[in-house]
Protein backbone atom coordinates (compact mmCIF):
# COMPACT_ATOMS: atom_id res chain seq x y z
CA MET A 1 0.05 -0.31 -0.20
CA LYS A 2 3.09 2.15 1.13
CA PHE A 3 4.32 1.43 -2.75
CA GLU A 4 1.28 2.44 -4.98
CA LYS A 5 0.83 5.72 -2.34
CA THR A 6 4.36 6.39 -3.47
CA ILE A 7 3.61 6.13 -7.73
CA ASP A 8 0.28 7.73 -6.63
CA LYS A 9 2.57 10.80 -5.58
CA GLN A 10 5.25 10.06 -8.81
CA ALA A 11 3.16 9.07 -11.75
CA GLY A 12 0.36 10.73 -10.64
CA TRP A 13 -2.30 7.77 -11.69
CA SER A 14 -3.77 5.69 -9.13
CA PRO A 15 -5.01 2.22 -9.34
CA HIS A 16 -7.37 3.09 -6.45
CA ARG A 17 -10.37 4.19 -8.32
CA GLY A 18 -12.13 5.33 -5.07
CA GLU A 19 -9.65 8.23 -4.85
CA ASP A 20 -10.09 8.69 -8.93
CA ALA A 21 -13.74 9.62 -8.11
CA LEU A 22 -12.70 11.41 -5.45
CA TRP A 23 -10.86 13.83 -7.00
CA GLY A 24 -11.26 12.59 -10.36
CA ARG A 25 -8.00 12.14 -12.98
CA GLY A 26 -7.86 16.24 -14.04
CA GLY A 27 -7.69 17.05 -10.33
CA LEU A 28 -4.73 14.42 -9.50
CA TYR A 29 -2.89 15.84 -12.66
CA VAL A 30 -2.67 19.04 -11.22
CA ARG A 31 -1.92 18.31 -8.04
CA GLN A 32 0.82 16.10 -9.73
CA ALA A 33 2.09 19.35 -11.91
CA LEU A 34 2.36 20.83 -8.85
CA HIS A 35 4.61 18.66 -6.91
CA MET A 36 6.64 18.34 -10.34
CA MET A 37 6.80 22.74 -9.74
CA ARG A 38 7.95 22.44 -6.36
CA GLU A 39 10.09 19.66 -6.96
CA ASP A 40 11.86 20.71 -10.64
CA LYS A 41 12.08 24.67 -10.23
CA GLN A 42 14.51 25.01 -12.38
CA PHE A 43 13.02 22.80 -15.58
CA SER A 44 9.40 25.18 -14.46
CA ALA A 45 10.36 28.46 -14.18
CA ILE A 46 12.20 27.87 -17.56
CA TYR A 47 9.03 26.36 -19.12
CA ILE A 48 6.98 29.29 -17.31
CA ALA A 49 8.99 32.39 -18.26
CA GLY A 50 8.99 30.67 -22.32
CA THR A 51 5.61 30.34 -22.34
CA ALA A 52 5.20 34.34 -21.01
CA VAL A 53 7.08 35.09 -23.50
CA ALA A 54 5.14 33.33 -26.22
CA ILE A 55 1.94 34.43 -25.06
CA ALA A 56 2.86 38.02 -24.31
CA SER A 57 4.13 38.08 -28.49
CA ALA A 58 0.43 36.34 -29.95
CA MET A 59 -1.55 38.62 -26.94
CA VAL A 60 -0.08 41.95 -28.34
CA VAL A 61 -1.11 41.29 -32.10
CA ALA A 62 -4.66 40.21 -30.90
CA LEU A 63 -4.62 43.17 -28.67
CA ILE A 64 -4.09 45.49 -31.26
CA LEU A 65 -6.71 43.76 -33.36
CA HIS A 66 -9.17 43.68 -30.72
CA ILE A 67 -8.75 47.54 -30.24
CA ARG A 68 -9.38 47.98 -33.66
CA MET A 69 -12.14 45.78 -34.18
CA GLY A 70 -13.88 44.61 -30.79
CA ASN A 71 -17.15 46.40 -29.25
CA ILE A 72 -15.30 48.88 -26.94
CA TYR A 73 -16.85 51.85 -24.70
CA PRO A 74 -18.18 54.32 -26.77
CA GLU A 75 -18.26 51.88 -30.00
CA VAL A 76 -20.25 48.85 -28.64
CA ASN A 77 -22.01 48.44 -31.53
CA ARG A 78 -18.77 48.08 -34.16
CA ASP A 79 -20.30 45.00 -35.58
CA ARG A 80 -23.30 47.08 -36.92
CA THR A 81 -21.51 50.33 -38.22
CA ILE A 82 -20.98 51.39 -41.61
CA TYR A 83 -18.89 53.84 -42.91
CA VAL A 84 -20.66 55.93 -46.54
CA GLY A 85 -18.10 57.55 -48.65
CA SER A 86 -18.78 59.00 -51.12
CA ASN A 87 -16.74 60.59 -54.72
CA PHE A 88 -18.32 62.37 -57.56
CA THR A 89 -15.94 62.72 -60.73
CA ASP A 90 -16.57 64.49 -64.26
CA SER A 91 -16.17 63.64 -67.48
CA ASP A 92 -12.63 64.35 -67.27
CA GLY A 93 -12.03 61.83 -64.36
CA ARG A 94 -11.59 65.32 -61.80
CA PHE A 95 -13.33 64.75 -58.59
CA VAL A 96 -14.87 67.47 -56.95
CA GLY A 97 -12.83 68.09 -54.02
CA TYR A 98 -15.11 66.77 -51.63
CA PRO A 99 -14.70 63.28 -50.05
CA GLY A 100 -18.57 63.07 -48.47
CA TYR A 101 -21.57 64.62 -48.25
CA SER A 102 -23.09 67.89 -47.90
CA PRO A 103 -26.11 68.50 -45.23
CA GLN A 104 -28.78 68.32 -48.41
CA ALA A 105 -27.50 64.72 -49.58
CA VAL A 106 -27.98 63.39 -45.64
CA GLU A 107 -31.25 64.60 -45.15
CA GLU A 108 -32.61 63.28 -48.08
CA MET A 109 -30.37 60.62 -48.65
CA PHE A 110 -30.40 58.91 -45.38
CA SER A 111 -33.53 60.21 -43.20
CA HIS A 112 -35.75 57.76 -44.37
CA LEU A 113 -33.22 54.71 -44.71
CA LYS A 114 -35.16 51.47 -43.59
CA CYS A 115 -32.73 49.58 -42.72
CA ALA A 116 -30.81 52.31 -40.63
CA GLU A 117 -31.27 52.60 -36.64
CA VAL A 118 -29.40 55.70 -37.07
CA VAL A 119 -26.94 58.23 -39.07
CA SER A 120 -24.80 60.59 -38.07
CA ALA A 121 -22.73 63.18 -39.98
CA VAL A 122 -19.23 63.88 -38.65
CA MET A 123 -16.70 66.35 -40.24
CA ASP A 124 -13.78 63.92 -41.36
CA ASP A 125 -10.84 66.58 -40.90
CA ASP A 126 -11.41 67.52 -37.30
CA TYR A 127 -7.53 67.30 -37.28
CA LEU A 128 -7.09 70.36 -39.34
CA TYR A 129 -8.57 72.46 -36.17
CA HIS A 130 -6.73 73.71 -33.33
CA PHE A 131 -8.49 74.64 -30.16
CA SER A 132 -6.92 76.03 -26.51
CA ALA A 133 -9.02 75.61 -24.04
CA CYS A 134 -9.21 77.99 -20.74
CA THR A 135 -12.01 79.14 -18.42
CA GLU A 136 -11.42 82.82 -18.31
CA VAL A 137 -9.07 85.04 -20.41
CA GLY A 138 -5.29 85.20 -18.68
CA SER A 139 -5.90 81.43 -17.12
CA GLN A 140 -3.87 78.74 -18.08
CA GLU A 141 -4.55 77.49 -21.58
CA VAL A 142 -5.14 73.48 -22.50
CA GLN A 143 -4.55 71.80 -26.24
CA VAL A 144 -7.72 70.28 -26.89
CA SER A 145 -8.95 68.38 -29.95
CA PRO A 146 -12.07 68.56 -30.93
CA LYS A 147 -14.69 66.18 -33.25
CA PHE A 148 -17.73 68.28 -35.20
CA THR A 149 -21.00 66.06 -35.13
CA ASP A 150 -24.50 66.01 -35.47
CA ALA A 151 -26.72 65.32 -32.55
CA ASP A 152 -27.45 61.54 -33.65
CA PHE A 153 -23.63 60.82 -32.87
CA PHE A 154 -24.62 60.54 -29.41
CA ARG A 155 -26.94 57.53 -30.75
CA LEU A 156 -24.94 56.21 -32.45
CA TYR A 157 -22.21 55.80 -30.06
CA GLU A 158 -23.25 55.06 -26.19
CA PHE A 159 -21.14 57.33 -24.34
CA GLN A 160 -21.78 57.32 -20.74
CA PHE A 161 -22.93 61.10 -19.56
CA LEU A 162 -21.26 61.69 -16.04
CA ASP A 163 -23.45 65.14 -15.90
CA GLY A 164 -25.50 66.86 -18.70
CA LYS A 165 -26.83 65.58 -22.04
CA PRO A 166 -26.24 65.45 -25.43
CA TYR A 167 -27.12 68.69 -27.84
CA ASP A 168 -29.51 68.41 -29.90
CA GLY A 169 -31.01 69.10 -33.43
CA GLU A 170 -32.13 72.43 -32.95
CA ASN A 171 -28.80 73.19 -31.72
CA LEU A 172 -27.42 71.80 -34.64
CA THR A 173 -29.57 74.17 -37.18
CA HIS A 174 -28.96 76.92 -35.57
CA GLY A 175 -25.36 76.49 -35.17
CA ASP A 176 -25.34 76.91 -31.08
CA ARG A 177 -21.76 77.34 -29.68
CA CYS A 178 -22.70 74.57 -27.00
CA ILE A 179 -20.16 71.86 -26.47
CA VAL A 180 -19.97 68.49 -24.89
CA ILE A 181 -16.77 67.67 -22.85
CA THR A 182 -14.66 64.66 -21.51
CA ASP A 183 -14.21 64.52 -17.45
CA ARG A 184 -10.74 64.85 -18.18
CA LEU A 185 -10.91 68.13 -19.63
CA ALA A 186 -13.00 69.20 -17.17
CA LYS A 187 -10.91 68.10 -14.50
CA ARG A 188 -8.00 70.51 -16.50
CA THR A 189 -10.27 73.29 -16.44
CA PHE A 190 -12.74 73.31 -14.12
CA GLY A 191 -10.59 71.29 -11.91
CA LYS A 192 -13.73 68.98 -11.25
CA SER A 193 -15.78 66.62 -13.48
CA ARG A 194 -19.01 67.48 -12.32
CA GLY A 195 -21.22 70.37 -12.07
CA VAL A 196 -20.18 72.57 -14.79
CA VAL A 197 -23.24 72.21 -16.76
CA GLY A 198 -24.00 76.16 -17.88
CA GLU A 199 -20.91 77.08 -17.09
CA SER A 200 -18.63 78.77 -20.00
CA LEU A 201 -15.46 77.29 -21.79
CA LEU A 202 -13.37 79.84 -24.17
CA LEU A 203 -12.27 78.36 -27.02
CA ASN A 204 -9.83 80.29 -28.59
CA TYR A 205 -11.10 83.17 -26.31
CA LEU A 206 -14.96 82.36 -27.95
CA PRO A 207 -17.36 81.31 -25.34
CA TYR A 208 -19.14 77.46 -25.67
CA LYS A 209 -21.49 76.66 -22.80
CA VAL A 210 -21.01 73.08 -21.58
CA VAL A 211 -24.03 70.94 -21.88
CA GLY A 212 -22.95 67.58 -21.13
CA VAL A 213 -19.55 65.83 -19.47
CA VAL A 214 -19.07 62.49 -20.75
CA LYS A 215 -16.38 59.75 -19.83
CA GLU A 216 -13.21 59.73 -21.23
CA VAL A 217 -12.74 57.50 -24.17
CA SER A 218 -9.25 56.58 -25.20
CA PRO A 219 -8.01 58.24 -28.40
CA LEU A 220 -7.00 54.92 -29.76
CA LEU A 221 -10.72 55.61 -30.53
CA ILE A 222 -10.30 57.25 -33.68
CA ALA A 223 -13.92 57.44 -34.72
CA SER A 224 -15.02 58.84 -31.32
CA SER A 225 -12.53 60.17 -29.59
CA ALA A 226 -12.14 63.58 -28.69
CA ASP A 227 -11.28 65.83 -25.77
CA ILE A 228 -14.73 68.51 -26.99
CA TYR A 229 -17.47 67.47 -29.20
CA LEU A 230 -19.55 70.06 -31.01
CA PRO A 231 -22.16 70.72 -33.98
CA TYR A 232 -20.53 70.73 -36.76
CA THR A 233 -22.51 73.71 -37.71
CA VAL A 234 -21.01 76.53 -35.29
CA ASN A 235 -18.63 79.30 -36.72
CA ASP A 236 -18.97 77.38 -40.28
CA SER A 237 -20.75 78.50 -43.54
CA ARG A 238 -22.43 75.72 -45.58
CA ALA A 239 -19.66 76.97 -48.52
CA HIS A 240 -17.15 75.35 -46.61
CA TYR A 241 -18.65 71.81 -46.17
CA GLN A 242 -21.40 72.30 -49.21
CA SER A 243 -20.12 72.25 -53.16
CA ASP A 244 -21.55 74.55 -55.07
CA GLU A 245 -20.86 72.75 -58.36
CA VAL A 246 -22.72 69.41 -56.53
CA SER A 247 -24.99 69.98 -54.19
CA TYR A 248 -24.75 66.47 -52.69
CA ALA A 249 -20.74 66.80 -52.38
CA GLY A 250 -19.80 67.89 -48.88
CA GLY A 251 -17.32 67.23 -46.25
CA LEU A 252 -19.49 65.30 -43.70
CA LYS A 253 -18.86 61.49 -43.65
CA VAL A 254 -21.94 59.44 -43.19
CA ARG A 255 -22.29 56.38 -40.41
CA VAL A 256 -24.55 54.03 -40.51
CA LEU A 257 -25.85 51.83 -37.87
CA LEU A 258 -27.64 49.05 -39.19
CA LYS A 259 -30.92 47.69 -37.19
CA LYS A 260 -30.33 43.98 -36.34
CA GLY A 261 -31.35 41.81 -38.97
CA CYS A 262 -30.44 44.00 -41.93
CA THR A 263 -27.38 44.09 -43.95
CA ARG A 264 -24.86 45.90 -45.53
CA GLU A 265 -26.20 44.91 -49.05
CA MET A 266 -29.82 45.93 -48.14
CA LEU A 267 -28.41 49.31 -47.31
CA MET A 268 -26.73 49.90 -51.07
CA ASP A 269 -29.74 48.17 -52.05
CA GLU A 270 -31.68 51.36 -50.44
CA LEU A 271 -29.17 54.06 -51.85
CA GLU A 272 -29.15 52.66 -55.48
CA PRO A 273 -32.50 54.82 -56.27
CA TYR A 274 -31.33 58.16 -54.61
CA LYS A 275 -28.12 57.63 -56.37
CA ALA A 276 -29.91 57.16 -59.84
CA GLN A 277 -32.43 59.81 -59.49
CA TYR A 278 -30.11 62.27 -58.28
CA LEU A 279 -27.32 61.94 -61.24
CA SER A 280 -30.10 61.93 -63.67
CA MET A 281 -30.73 65.17 -62.04
CA LEU A 282 -27.10 66.44 -62.65
CA ASN A 283 -26.40 64.84 -65.56
CA SER A 284 -29.66 66.90 -66.80
CA THR A 285 -28.45 70.18 -65.39
CA SER A 286 -24.99 70.42 -65.98
CA GLU A 287 -22.70 70.76 -69.10
CA LYS A 288 -21.01 67.84 -67.42
CA GLU A 289 -21.06 64.22 -67.65
CA TRP A 290 -20.79 62.87 -63.92
CA SER A 291 -19.72 59.71 -61.93
CA TRP A 292 -21.01 58.89 -58.47
CA TYR A 293 -18.89 56.32 -56.37
CA ILE A 294 -20.26 55.14 -53.33
CA GLN A 295 -18.37 53.23 -50.65
CA VAL A 296 -20.27 51.48 -48.01
CA VAL A 297 -17.77 49.83 -45.49
CA PRO A 298 -18.30 48.09 -42.32
CA HIS A 299 -16.01 48.40 -39.28
CA TRP A 300 -14.18 45.69 -40.02
CA ARG A 301 -13.39 46.55 -43.39
CA LYS A 302 -12.21 49.82 -42.91
CA THR A 303 -10.06 48.81 -40.26
CA LEU A 304 -8.50 45.48 -41.88
CA ASN A 305 -6.58 46.44 -44.86
CA PHE A 306 -3.41 44.15 -44.68
CA ILE A 307 -4.23 42.69 -48.17
CA SER A 308 -5.80 44.81 -50.92
CA SER A 309 -9.26 44.95 -52.60
CA GLU A 310 -11.85 46.16 -53.69
CA VAL A 311 -12.94 48.69 -50.63
CA ASN A 312 -16.78 48.40 -51.34
CA ASP A 313 -15.61 44.02 -51.12
CA ALA A 314 -16.70 43.36 -47.71
CA SER A 315 -17.50 39.32 -48.14
CA THR A 316 -16.24 36.66 -46.10
CA GLY A 317 -13.61 35.50 -47.95
CA THR A 318 -12.27 39.00 -47.93
CA LEU A 319 -12.25 39.36 -43.78
CA LEU A 320 -10.37 35.59 -43.48
CA LEU A 321 -8.10 36.96 -46.30
CA ASN A 322 -7.46 39.80 -43.96
CA LEU A 323 -7.52 38.27 -41.26
CA LEU A 324 -4.65 35.61 -42.48
CA PRO A 325 -1.32 37.93 -41.84
CA PRO A 326 -2.18 38.66 -38.27
CA ALA A 327 -3.20 34.54 -37.70
CA LEU A 328 0.40 33.63 -39.20
CA LEU A 329 1.92 35.95 -36.78
CA MET A 330 1.04 34.75 -34.26
CA LEU A 331 1.41 30.95 -35.33
CA LEU A 332 5.11 31.96 -35.83
CA PHE A 333 5.49 33.89 -32.44
CA LEU A 334 3.68 30.47 -30.54
CA LEU A 335 5.98 28.42 -32.96
CA LEU A 336 9.24 29.22 -32.04
CA PRO A 337 9.48 29.33 -28.55
CA ALA A 338 7.14 25.79 -28.47
CA ILE A 339 10.30 24.01 -30.33
CA ASN A 340 12.76 24.94 -27.70
CA LEU A 341 10.54 24.11 -24.81
CA SER A 342 9.68 20.91 -26.94
CA GLY A 343 13.17 19.89 -26.36
CA MET A 344 12.77 21.14 -22.96
CA VAL A 345 9.90 18.33 -22.40
CA SER A 346 11.82 15.79 -24.55
CA ASN A 347 14.79 15.57 -21.81
CA ARG A 348 12.01 15.18 -18.78
CA MET A 349 10.42 12.80 -20.75
CA GLU A 350 13.54 11.11 -20.72
CA SER A 351 14.02 11.46 -17.15
CA ARG A 352 10.74 9.99 -16.26
CA LEU A 353 10.25 6.76 -18.05
CA ALA A 354 11.14 4.62 -15.13
CA GLU A 355 7.96 6.19 -13.80
CA MET A 356 6.16 5.84 -16.68
CA GLY A 357 7.27 2.08 -16.94
CA ILE A 358 5.41 1.33 -13.64
CA CYS A 359 2.47 3.16 -14.09
CA LYS A 360 2.13 1.04 -17.71
CA ALA A 361 2.92 -1.96 -15.05
CA PHE A 362 -0.11 -0.92 -12.83
CA GLY A 363 -2.55 -1.02 -16.14
CA ALA A 364 -2.23 2.44 -17.48
CA ASN A 365 -2.07 2.64 -21.43
CA ARG A 366 -0.53 5.28 -23.67
CA ARG A 367 -3.69 6.89 -23.88
CA VAL A 368 -3.89 7.92 -20.11
CA LEU A 369 -0.19 8.61 -19.48
CA LEU A 370 -0.07 10.89 -22.81
CA GLY A 371 -3.64 12.71 -21.18
CA GLN A 372 -1.53 12.88 -18.22
CA VAL A 373 1.46 14.38 -19.62
CA ILE A 374 -0.29 16.81 -21.66
CA GLN A 375 -2.76 18.16 -18.68
CA GLU A 376 0.48 18.60 -16.28
CA ASN A 377 1.93 20.45 -19.31
CA LEU A 378 -0.95 22.18 -19.53
CA VAL A 379 -0.62 23.98 -15.74
CA LEU A 380 2.84 25.22 -16.27
CA THR A 381 1.36 26.66 -19.52
CA LEU A 382 -1.41 28.48 -17.97
CA PHE A 383 1.03 29.52 -15.98
CA GLY A 384 2.98 30.79 -18.14
CA GLY A 385 -0.33 32.76 -19.96
CA VAL A 386 -1.45 34.29 -17.16
CA VAL A 387 2.15 36.08 -16.44
CA GLY A 388 2.52 36.50 -20.59
CA TYR A 389 -1.28 38.11 -20.56
CA VAL A 390 -0.14 40.43 -17.83
CA LEU A 391 3.31 41.51 -19.80
CA SER A 392 0.87 42.20 -23.19
CA TRP A 393 -0.83 44.65 -21.36
CA LEU A 394 2.48 46.55 -19.60
CA PHE A 395 4.02 46.03 -23.23
CA ILE A 396 1.13 47.86 -24.75
CA THR A 397 0.69 50.60 -22.08
CA ALA A 398 4.75 51.40 -22.43
CA ILE A 399 4.44 51.47 -25.65
CA ARG A 400 1.07 53.27 -26.08
CA GLU A 401 2.40 57.08 -26.98
CA ASN A 402 4.67 55.42 -29.62
CA LYS A 403 4.45 57.23 -32.91
CA VAL A 404 5.07 53.75 -34.89
CA PHE A 405 1.69 51.96 -32.74
CA LEU A 406 -0.08 55.47 -32.55
CA SER A 407 0.37 54.90 -36.49
CA LEU A 408 -1.80 51.42 -36.32
CA PHE A 409 -4.50 53.43 -35.04
CA GLU A 410 -4.58 56.05 -37.54
CA ARG A 411 -3.50 58.74 -35.58
CA GLU A 412 -0.04 59.64 -37.02
CA TYR A 413 -2.03 62.87 -38.60
CA ALA A 414 -3.88 63.45 -35.50
CA PRO A 415 -1.53 62.85 -32.93
CA VAL A 416 -2.28 63.31 -29.34
CA GLU A 417 -0.80 64.36 -25.79
CA HIS A 418 -2.06 62.08 -23.71
CA VAL A 419 -3.15 57.88 -24.80
CA SER A 420 -5.08 56.56 -22.03
CA LEU A 421 -6.57 52.96 -21.94
CA GLN A 422 -9.62 51.41 -21.29
CA PHE A 423 -10.19 47.80 -18.98
CA ASP A 424 -12.35 46.63 -22.06
CA MET A 425 -9.38 46.89 -24.34
CA PHE A 426 -7.82 44.38 -22.11
CA PHE A 427 -10.18 41.93 -21.11
CA THR A 428 -13.19 40.53 -22.40
CA PRO A 429 -14.43 37.32 -23.00
CA THR A 430 -13.47 36.85 -26.27
CA MET A 431 -9.88 38.23 -25.15
CA PHE A 432 -9.66 35.53 -22.17
CA LEU A 433 -10.54 32.69 -24.97
CA ILE A 434 -7.99 34.23 -27.28
CA ALA A 435 -5.32 33.60 -24.80
CA PHE A 436 -7.09 30.19 -22.98
CA VAL A 437 -6.38 28.82 -27.24
CA CYS A 438 -3.12 30.44 -27.65
CA CYS A 439 -2.30 28.39 -24.24
CA ALA A 440 -3.69 25.25 -25.54
CA VAL A 441 -2.18 25.54 -29.24
CA LEU A 442 1.57 26.14 -27.14
CA ASN A 443 1.11 22.86 -24.90
CA LEU A 444 0.48 20.47 -27.54
CA MET A 445 3.24 21.99 -29.71
CA ALA A 446 5.65 21.61 -27.20
CA ALA A 447 4.38 18.53 -25.13
CA LEU A 448 2.48 16.51 -27.97
CA ILE A 449 5.39 15.19 -29.83
CA PRO A 450 8.03 14.25 -27.44
CA ALA A 451 5.30 12.50 -24.94
CA TRP A 452 4.40 10.33 -27.71
CA ALA A 453 7.95 9.81 -28.45
CA SER A 454 8.99 8.52 -25.24
CA LEU A 455 5.88 7.05 -24.95
CA LYS A 456 6.01 4.53 -27.18
CA LYS A 457 8.69 2.60 -26.09
CA PRO A 458 7.94 -0.89 -24.64
CA ILE A 459 7.59 -1.16 -20.64
CA VAL A 460 10.84 -3.02 -20.25
CA GLU A 461 12.67 -0.51 -22.09
CA SER A 462 10.99 2.27 -19.62
CA MET A 463 11.68 0.24 -16.44
CA ASN A 464 15.04 -0.06 -17.05
CA GLN A 465 15.75 3.49 -17.53
CA LYS A 466 16.85 5.33 -14.52
CA LYS A 467 15.03 7.55 -12.07
């Protein structure tokens, strides 16, 4: 009995079914793995460190993709968000000069779409505007980034209002100087994030009324982030965002939140009659022959551009093709360390041949022992995975203001002074699942082949090995 308990302690396999029923074979494997970590600290430390580096490298790629594509505050409906662009060209191939829509086009084309839950028009050249903010003349000024929007912008994106509310359609129509600011800007200018609604903030020494305060959005989410949000009609004449030559051409970019169950193709079908009708009218009243190209791009297509293709091509095949480069990069980051870890596991298995031979003699088959080895290594891999996951967070936190890193999020033309990070960028059920899959793949690549090769040896040969 004492000898059998020793086997159970060393090999993690017991012939006593009662104990197996109490703990479960998986529980015994976990105890065996923890016992191994205590007995061979050097092997465990090297294995965990190698795993951590591999997982951290792969998770950095996964986190960057998640930040660009995932549903993150306040862009929690990215999977249903469509970006609609526009280009008019004449018979000579000359662009009209306005790569978007005019307010007239937004009103006449998009306000009656059946498949649209929300339609928002935004000026897409915010980086051309430079604002300094202060509470009064002579006080310290801070540089702020603006975003010119309509009232539906705050329906498209689910901002968390800490105080007040967004401006409305009346404010947009009248060009009222009213703004929504972030809690960070409120603290920097007013010294507090609440109780500032109704106060005036000077932007380039012009007074603007604060109507709402929202929770700050990370600048890595370029579509929704800003320090201040204000109506696009403020301090702008129509000539600034509408073409005199083509009334539907302007400086507004349209974003559509599809109703659940609706598709991008349904949106394109709805826009087609408006396109045909306007082109017919334009060509009949103009001395030129005009062409009109409408871009209907889902969020993932706007974000994933590793493989060049037609902008309006949003098929599943294109999605998979664009996901291929980062997937291969993640696999490479997992494969190279797995080769080194596989060598370590192979040497470890050679030293455990006698132990495996005794387990075989007591009735353990190859499948059971292989599962034991894989699960033991999986415990070590999960320890390394947790460390690697934390390392990936720390790495992105450390480089978040690097120019190369910011260029991955289209921030090379709109730099920011401070780059904040949000918790939902790093930890979501999807990211947890990706991290676990990376651990499992790395564990299988590192442990399966050497374990299988060692367990193929006959019992007599295994038992003759020195312990």
